[in-house]
Amino acid sequence: MAQADNAFANLPGDQYVLELAHADNAALDAPAVPRGKVYKLHLRQNGAEHWLLLWGPFDSIESARAARDEIAAQGVTSGWPRRVAPLQAEARHATE
């Protein structure tokens, strides 16, 4: 089950997450992950609603890359590691 936006807002901004999925609505199902949590993040970009499923947090870009390789071996595709702070800023902007 994905954690809500407010749980993501409390993560340290210098950590990393991996994007597992994105959609134009909140109907995203979180895959099973070997550790950490899956966060559902609501963003508003160019006037459109977007939701992301993010897995983490990871302490470094190297650990995020290793986790991406690990989950890929289980058949789950993920995006590149992303730093938490810019995503938190985007989420705050979406609620303004």
Protein backbone atom coordinates (compact mmCIF):
# COMPACT_ATOMS: atom_id res chain seq x y z
CA MET A 1 0.00 0.00 0.00
CA ALA A 2 1.32 3.44 -0.90
CA GLN A 3 1.95 6.05 1.77
CA ALA A 4 0.21 9.44 1.48
CA ASP A 5 1.81 12.71 0.31
CA ASN A 6 2.37 13.92 3.89
CA ALA A 7 4.62 10.93 4.66
CA PHE A 8 6.71 11.83 1.61
CA ALA A 9 6.90 15.46 2.76
CA ASN A 10 8.63 14.31 5.97
CA LEU A 11 11.48 12.47 4.19
CA PRO A 12 14.98 13.99 4.30
CA GLY A 13 15.39 16.05 1.13
CA ASP A 14 18.89 14.77 0.40
CA GLN A 15 17.72 11.19 -0.07
CA TYR A 16 16.64 9.50 -3.31
CA VAL A 17 13.58 7.67 -4.62
CA LEU A 18 12.78 5.66 -7.74
CA GLU A 19 9.68 6.35 -9.82
CA LEU A 20 7.73 3.12 -10.24
CA ALA A 21 4.73 4.49 -12.14
CA HIS A 22 2.90 7.66 -13.11
CA ALA A 23 -0.65 8.42 -14.20
CA ASP A 24 -3.16 11.20 -14.75
CA ASN A 25 -5.34 9.84 -11.94
CA ALA A 26 -4.83 8.38 -8.49
CA ALA A 27 -5.63 4.81 -9.56
CA LEU A 28 -2.09 3.47 -9.21
CA ASP A 29 -1.34 0.10 -7.67
CA ALA A 30 1.86 -0.21 -5.71
CA PRO A 31 3.99 -3.24 -6.55
CA ALA A 32 5.62 -5.27 -3.81
CA VAL A 33 9.06 -3.90 -2.98
CA PRO A 34 11.77 -5.75 -1.06
CA ARG A 35 12.28 -2.94 1.49
CA GLY A 36 11.47 0.70 2.07
CA LYS A 37 8.09 2.20 1.24
CA VAL A 38 6.07 3.19 -1.78
CA TYR A 39 4.76 6.75 -1.76
CA LYS A 40 1.90 8.11 -3.86
CA LEU A 41 2.64 11.73 -4.74
CA HIS A 42 0.14 14.16 -6.27
CA LEU A 43 1.54 16.86 -8.55
CA ARG A 44 0.03 19.54 -10.75
CA GLN A 45 2.04 20.32 -13.89
CA ASN A 46 1.00 22.73 -16.63
CA GLY A 47 -2.54 22.78 -15.22
CA ALA A 48 -2.88 18.99 -15.34
CA GLU A 49 -3.10 16.52 -12.46
CA HIS A 50 -0.38 13.86 -12.15
CA TRP A 51 0.33 11.10 -9.65
CA LEU A 52 3.60 9.30 -9.10
CA LEU A 53 4.43 6.09 -7.28
CA LEU A 54 7.84 6.50 -5.72
CA TRP A 55 9.90 3.87 -3.92
CA GLY A 56 12.46 4.70 -1.28
CA PRO A 57 14.02 6.38 0.44
CA PHE A 58 17.62 5.57 -0.42
CA ASP A 59 20.60 7.24 1.25
CA SER A 60 22.64 7.69 -1.92
CA ILE A 61 22.30 7.63 -5.66
CA GLU A 62 24.40 4.46 -5.69
CA SER A 63 22.01 2.65 -3.34
CA ALA A 64 19.05 3.81 -5.43
CA ARG A 65 20.71 2.48 -8.59
CA ALA A 66 21.40 -0.85 -6.86
CA ALA A 67 17.74 -1.04 -5.79
CA ARG A 68 16.63 -0.29 -9.38
CA ASP A 69 18.72 -3.23 -10.58
CA GLU A 70 17.34 -5.42 -7.80
CA ILE A 71 13.70 -4.67 -8.59
CA ALA A 72 14.33 -5.00 -12.34
CA ALA A 73 15.45 -8.58 -11.65
CA GLN A 74 11.94 -9.13 -10.21
CA GLY A 75 10.36 -7.84 -13.43
CA VAL A 76 9.43 -4.35 -12.17
CA THR A 77 10.50 -1.42 -14.33
CA SER A 78 11.45 1.80 -12.60
CA GLY A 79 12.76 5.19 -13.59
CA TRP A 80 16.02 6.89 -12.73
CA PRO A 81 16.87 7.85 -9.16
CA ARG A 82 15.47 11.24 -8.19
CA ARG A 83 16.42 13.42 -5.25
CA VAL A 84 13.56 13.86 -2.77
CA ALA A 85 13.81 17.66 -2.20
CA PRO A 86 12.80 18.79 -5.73
CA LEU A 87 9.82 16.41 -5.68
CA GLN A 88 8.77 17.75 -2.28
CA ALA A 89 8.93 21.29 -3.70
CA GLU A 90 6.76 20.27 -6.67
CA ALA A 91 4.23 18.66 -4.33
CA ARG A 92 4.07 21.79 -2.16
CA HIS A 93 3.53 23.89 -5.26
CA ALA A 94 0.64 21.61 -6.30
CA THR A 95 -1.24 22.41 -3.07
CA GLU A 96 -0.91 26.20 -3.39
